[in-house]
N, C-alpha and C. Protein backbone atom coordinates (compact mmCIF):
# COMPACT_ATOMS: atom_id res chain seq x y z
N UNK A 1 109.13 132.61 133.80
CA UNK A 1 108.52 132.32 132.53
C UNK A 1 107.38 131.33 132.76
N UNK A 2 106.22 131.66 132.22
CA UNK A 2 105.06 130.78 132.34
C UNK A 2 104.92 129.98 131.05
N UNK A 3 104.82 128.66 131.20
CA UNK A 3 104.62 127.79 130.04
C UNK A 3 103.14 127.49 129.90
N UNK A 4 102.67 127.42 128.69
CA UNK A 4 101.27 127.13 128.43
C UNK A 4 101.18 126.13 127.28
N UNK A 5 101.57 124.87 127.53
CA UNK A 5 101.62 123.89 126.44
C UNK A 5 100.22 123.44 126.01
N UNK A 6 100.10 123.06 124.74
CA UNK A 6 98.87 122.45 124.23
C UNK A 6 98.77 121.00 124.67
N UNK A 7 99.93 120.38 124.85
CA UNK A 7 99.98 118.97 125.23
C UNK A 7 101.36 118.66 125.80
N UNK A 8 101.46 117.54 126.50
CA UNK A 8 102.75 117.05 126.97
C UNK A 8 102.86 115.57 126.60
N UNK A 9 104.07 115.11 126.42
CA UNK A 9 104.31 113.68 126.20
C UNK A 9 105.16 113.18 127.35
N UNK A 10 104.70 112.10 127.95
CA UNK A 10 105.46 111.46 129.01
C UNK A 10 106.18 110.26 128.40
N UNK A 11 107.50 110.29 128.49
CA UNK A 11 108.36 109.23 127.97
C UNK A 11 109.08 108.58 129.13
N UNK A 12 109.38 107.31 128.99
CA UNK A 12 110.14 106.60 130.01
C UNK A 12 111.58 106.44 129.55
N UNK A 13 112.50 106.71 130.43
CA UNK A 13 113.92 106.64 130.08
C UNK A 13 114.38 105.21 129.83
N UNK A 14 113.62 104.22 130.30
CA UNK A 14 114.05 102.84 130.13
C UNK A 14 113.42 102.16 128.91
N UNK A 15 112.99 102.96 127.93
CA UNK A 15 112.49 102.43 126.66
C UNK A 15 113.36 102.99 125.53
N UNK A 16 114.53 102.40 125.34
CA UNK A 16 115.52 102.99 124.43
C UNK A 16 115.16 102.95 122.95
N UNK A 17 114.15 102.18 122.54
CA UNK A 17 113.81 102.10 121.13
C UNK A 17 112.71 103.08 120.72
N UNK A 18 112.21 103.88 121.64
CA UNK A 18 111.21 104.89 121.29
C UNK A 18 111.95 106.00 120.54
N UNK A 19 111.69 106.08 119.24
CA UNK A 19 112.43 107.00 118.37
C UNK A 19 111.58 108.23 118.04
N UNK A 20 112.21 109.21 117.42
CA UNK A 20 111.52 110.44 117.05
C UNK A 20 110.34 110.16 116.12
N UNK A 21 110.43 109.12 115.30
CA UNK A 21 109.33 108.74 114.40
C UNK A 21 108.05 108.45 115.20
N UNK A 22 108.20 107.79 116.34
CA UNK A 22 107.06 107.47 117.18
C UNK A 22 106.50 108.74 117.81
N UNK A 23 107.37 109.57 118.33
CA UNK A 23 106.94 110.82 118.96
C UNK A 23 106.23 111.71 117.93
N UNK A 24 106.77 111.77 116.72
CA UNK A 24 106.14 112.57 115.67
C UNK A 24 104.76 112.02 115.30
N UNK A 25 104.59 110.70 115.36
CA UNK A 25 103.27 110.11 115.09
C UNK A 25 102.24 110.58 116.11
N UNK A 26 102.65 110.70 117.36
CA UNK A 26 101.76 111.22 118.38
C UNK A 26 101.33 112.64 118.04
N UNK A 27 102.29 113.50 117.70
CA UNK A 27 101.96 114.88 117.36
C UNK A 27 101.07 114.95 116.13
N UNK A 28 101.34 114.12 115.12
CA UNK A 28 100.51 114.11 113.91
C UNK A 28 99.07 113.74 114.24
N UNK A 29 98.88 112.70 115.05
CA UNK A 29 97.52 112.30 115.44
C UNK A 29 96.85 113.39 116.25
N UNK A 30 97.60 114.03 117.14
CA UNK A 30 97.02 115.08 117.97
C UNK A 30 96.60 116.28 117.12
N UNK A 31 97.40 116.64 116.14
CA UNK A 31 97.06 117.77 115.26
C UNK A 31 95.76 117.50 114.50
N UNK A 32 95.51 116.24 114.16
CA UNK A 32 94.30 115.88 113.41
C UNK A 32 93.08 115.68 114.30
N UNK A 33 93.32 115.34 115.57
CA UNK A 33 92.22 115.02 116.49
C UNK A 33 92.41 115.75 117.81
N UNK A 34 92.25 117.05 117.80
CA UNK A 34 92.50 117.88 118.98
C UNK A 34 91.54 117.63 120.13
N UNK A 35 90.42 116.95 119.87
CA UNK A 35 89.46 116.70 120.94
C UNK A 35 89.87 115.55 121.85
N UNK A 36 90.92 114.81 121.47
CA UNK A 36 91.37 113.70 122.31
C UNK A 36 92.05 114.21 123.57
N UNK A 37 91.79 113.54 124.69
CA UNK A 37 92.47 113.88 125.93
C UNK A 37 93.85 113.25 125.99
N UNK A 38 93.99 112.08 125.40
CA UNK A 38 95.30 111.43 125.40
C UNK A 38 95.48 110.60 124.15
N UNK A 39 96.74 110.33 123.82
CA UNK A 39 97.13 109.41 122.77
C UNK A 39 98.25 108.56 123.36
N UNK A 40 98.09 107.25 123.28
CA UNK A 40 99.08 106.36 123.88
C UNK A 40 99.49 105.30 122.88
N UNK A 41 100.67 104.77 123.09
CA UNK A 41 101.07 103.57 122.36
C UNK A 41 100.31 102.41 122.99
N UNK A 42 100.24 101.29 122.31
CA UNK A 42 99.58 100.17 122.92
C UNK A 42 99.39 99.00 121.99
N UNK A 43 98.90 97.94 122.58
CA UNK A 43 98.52 96.75 121.84
C UNK A 43 97.04 96.54 122.11
N UNK A 44 96.23 96.57 121.06
CA UNK A 44 94.79 96.44 121.26
C UNK A 44 94.28 97.61 122.06
N UNK A 45 93.61 97.31 123.16
CA UNK A 45 93.05 98.37 124.00
C UNK A 45 93.86 98.62 125.27
N UNK A 46 95.08 98.11 125.32
CA UNK A 46 95.93 98.27 126.49
C UNK A 46 96.94 99.38 126.24
N UNK A 47 96.73 100.55 126.84
CA UNK A 47 97.68 101.65 126.62
C UNK A 47 98.98 101.42 127.37
N UNK A 48 100.06 101.96 126.82
CA UNK A 48 101.36 101.93 127.49
C UNK A 48 102.14 103.17 127.06
N UNK A 49 103.16 103.53 127.81
CA UNK A 49 103.96 104.70 127.45
C UNK A 49 104.69 104.48 126.14
N UNK A 50 105.01 105.56 125.49
CA UNK A 50 104.76 106.95 125.86
C UNK A 50 103.29 107.33 125.71
N UNK A 51 102.92 108.43 126.38
CA UNK A 51 101.55 108.94 126.34
C UNK A 51 101.59 110.44 126.14
N UNK A 52 100.77 110.93 125.21
CA UNK A 52 100.56 112.36 125.03
C UNK A 52 99.28 112.72 125.77
N UNK A 53 99.33 113.74 126.64
CA UNK A 53 98.16 114.25 127.32
C UNK A 53 97.89 115.65 126.81
N UNK A 54 96.63 115.92 126.40
CA UNK A 54 96.28 117.27 125.94
C UNK A 54 96.12 118.19 127.15
N UNK A 55 96.20 119.48 126.91
CA UNK A 55 96.04 120.46 127.98
C UNK A 55 94.65 120.39 128.60
N UNK A 56 93.68 119.83 127.88
CA UNK A 56 92.32 119.72 128.41
C UNK A 56 92.27 118.89 129.68
N UNK A 57 93.23 118.04 129.90
CA UNK A 57 93.19 117.20 131.10
C UNK A 57 94.17 117.64 132.18
N UNK A 58 94.82 118.78 132.01
CA UNK A 58 95.69 119.30 133.07
C UNK A 58 94.80 119.87 134.16
N UNK A 59 95.11 119.84 135.40
CA UNK A 59 96.20 119.13 136.03
C UNK A 59 95.82 117.70 136.42
N UNK A 60 94.64 117.26 136.02
CA UNK A 60 94.18 115.93 136.46
C UNK A 60 94.56 114.83 135.49
N UNK A 61 95.63 115.01 134.71
CA UNK A 61 95.95 114.02 133.68
C UNK A 61 96.38 112.68 134.25
N UNK A 62 96.60 112.60 135.52
CA UNK A 62 97.00 111.32 136.09
C UNK A 62 95.81 110.56 136.66
N UNK A 63 94.60 111.11 136.49
CA UNK A 63 93.38 110.40 136.86
C UNK A 63 92.83 109.74 135.59
N UNK A 64 93.49 108.67 135.16
CA UNK A 64 93.24 108.07 133.85
C UNK A 64 91.87 107.43 133.71
N UNK A 65 91.22 107.10 134.80
CA UNK A 65 89.90 106.48 134.70
C UNK A 65 88.93 107.35 133.93
N UNK A 66 88.89 108.64 134.22
CA UNK A 66 87.99 109.56 133.53
C UNK A 66 88.43 109.79 132.09
N UNK A 67 89.70 109.74 131.84
CA UNK A 67 90.22 110.08 130.52
C UNK A 67 90.10 108.95 129.51
N UNK A 68 89.96 107.72 129.99
CA UNK A 68 90.03 106.55 129.11
C UNK A 68 89.03 106.60 127.97
N UNK A 69 87.89 107.22 128.19
CA UNK A 69 86.87 107.27 127.14
C UNK A 69 87.18 108.31 126.07
N UNK A 70 88.15 109.16 126.30
CA UNK A 70 88.42 110.28 125.38
C UNK A 70 89.82 110.22 124.82
N UNK A 71 90.28 109.03 124.51
CA UNK A 71 91.64 108.90 124.03
C UNK A 71 91.75 107.98 122.84
N UNK A 72 92.98 107.81 122.42
CA UNK A 72 93.28 106.96 121.28
C UNK A 72 94.53 106.16 121.59
N UNK A 73 94.53 104.89 121.18
CA UNK A 73 95.70 104.04 121.34
C UNK A 73 96.21 103.70 119.94
N UNK A 74 97.49 103.95 119.72
CA UNK A 74 98.12 103.68 118.43
C UNK A 74 98.87 102.36 118.54
N UNK A 75 98.53 101.41 117.69
CA UNK A 75 99.22 100.12 117.68
C UNK A 75 100.33 100.20 116.64
N UNK A 76 101.56 100.26 117.08
CA UNK A 76 102.70 100.39 116.18
C UNK A 76 103.16 99.05 115.61
N UNK A 77 102.48 97.96 115.95
CA UNK A 77 102.71 96.63 115.38
C UNK A 77 104.10 96.05 115.66
N UNK A 78 104.82 96.60 116.62
CA UNK A 78 106.14 96.08 116.95
C UNK A 78 106.42 96.30 118.43
N UNK A 79 106.14 95.32 119.27
CA UNK A 79 106.33 95.51 120.71
C UNK A 79 107.78 95.82 121.10
N UNK A 80 108.74 95.46 120.28
CA UNK A 80 110.14 95.75 120.62
C UNK A 80 110.42 97.25 120.63
N UNK A 81 109.61 98.04 119.92
CA UNK A 81 109.80 99.49 119.96
C UNK A 81 109.65 100.02 121.38
N UNK A 82 108.90 99.31 122.20
CA UNK A 82 108.60 99.76 123.56
C UNK A 82 109.24 98.84 124.61
N UNK A 83 110.30 98.16 124.21
CA UNK A 83 111.01 97.27 125.10
C UNK A 83 111.45 98.04 126.34
N UNK A 84 111.13 97.50 127.49
CA UNK A 84 111.32 98.17 128.77
C UNK A 84 112.48 97.51 129.51
N UNK A 85 113.50 98.29 129.82
CA UNK A 85 114.71 97.77 130.47
C UNK A 85 114.63 98.03 131.98
N UNK A 86 114.26 96.98 132.73
CA UNK A 86 114.12 97.12 134.18
C UNK A 86 115.11 96.28 134.97
N UNK A 87 115.64 95.23 134.37
CA UNK A 87 116.51 94.31 135.11
C UNK A 87 117.84 94.14 134.38
N UNK A 88 118.77 93.50 135.03
CA UNK A 88 120.06 93.20 134.40
C UNK A 88 119.86 92.28 133.20
N UNK A 89 118.94 91.34 133.31
CA UNK A 89 118.64 90.46 132.17
C UNK A 89 118.08 91.26 130.99
N UNK A 90 117.19 92.21 131.28
CA UNK A 90 116.66 93.08 130.23
C UNK A 90 117.79 93.84 129.55
N UNK A 91 118.71 94.36 130.35
CA UNK A 91 119.83 95.13 129.81
C UNK A 91 120.74 94.24 128.96
N UNK A 92 120.99 93.02 129.40
CA UNK A 92 121.82 92.09 128.63
C UNK A 92 121.19 91.80 127.27
N UNK A 93 119.88 91.58 127.26
CA UNK A 93 119.18 91.35 126.01
C UNK A 93 119.26 92.58 125.12
N UNK A 94 119.10 93.75 125.69
CA UNK A 94 119.22 95.00 124.94
C UNK A 94 120.59 95.11 124.27
N UNK A 95 121.64 94.79 125.00
CA UNK A 95 123.00 94.85 124.44
C UNK A 95 123.15 93.88 123.27
N UNK A 96 122.62 92.68 123.42
CA UNK A 96 122.70 91.70 122.32
C UNK A 96 121.90 92.17 121.10
N UNK A 97 120.70 92.70 121.34
CA UNK A 97 119.87 93.19 120.24
C UNK A 97 120.54 94.36 119.53
N UNK A 98 121.11 95.27 120.30
CA UNK A 98 121.77 96.44 119.71
C UNK A 98 122.95 96.01 118.86
N UNK A 99 123.72 95.03 119.34
CA UNK A 99 124.86 94.53 118.57
C UNK A 99 124.38 93.91 117.26
N UNK A 100 123.30 93.10 117.33
CA UNK A 100 122.74 92.48 116.12
C UNK A 100 122.28 93.53 115.13
N UNK A 101 121.62 94.57 115.61
CA UNK A 101 121.12 95.63 114.73
C UNK A 101 122.28 96.36 114.07
N UNK A 102 123.32 96.66 114.84
CA UNK A 102 124.49 97.35 114.26
C UNK A 102 125.17 96.48 113.20
N UNK A 103 125.29 95.17 113.47
CA UNK A 103 125.94 94.27 112.52
C UNK A 103 125.13 94.17 111.23
N UNK A 104 123.80 94.10 111.34
CA UNK A 104 122.97 94.04 110.14
C UNK A 104 123.07 95.33 109.34
N UNK A 105 123.22 96.45 110.03
CA UNK A 105 123.35 97.74 109.37
C UNK A 105 124.63 97.84 108.55
N UNK A 106 125.66 97.07 108.94
CA UNK A 106 126.92 97.06 108.19
C UNK A 106 126.98 95.91 107.20
N UNK A 107 125.89 95.15 107.10
CA UNK A 107 125.85 94.02 106.18
C UNK A 107 126.47 92.76 106.72
N UNK A 108 126.80 92.72 108.01
CA UNK A 108 127.36 91.53 108.63
C UNK A 108 126.23 90.67 109.17
N UNK A 109 126.37 89.40 109.16
CA UNK A 109 125.36 88.50 109.73
C UNK A 109 126.00 87.54 110.68
């Protein structure tokens, strides 16, 4: 079977707060602006994963220098959405945050 995608999204497994709402925002922006080579999350002008790459940049989508002028960075205004779990300390913080979020969801403080 040959796949012929219009775009791909690269997600990192160590960003547990990246939700479907964020992924859908990428697709929504891409549907409105098909001329973009990429759409990335970010703060200001600093892109970070996840990243949507349009088919226009296949197979050279990893040569980001050329693509930088033809993309868009979406500032989601909450860096915790992209919290990156790389160390045991990161994981410990994630566990504490998750517990706090669950407790608030049940009305406990």
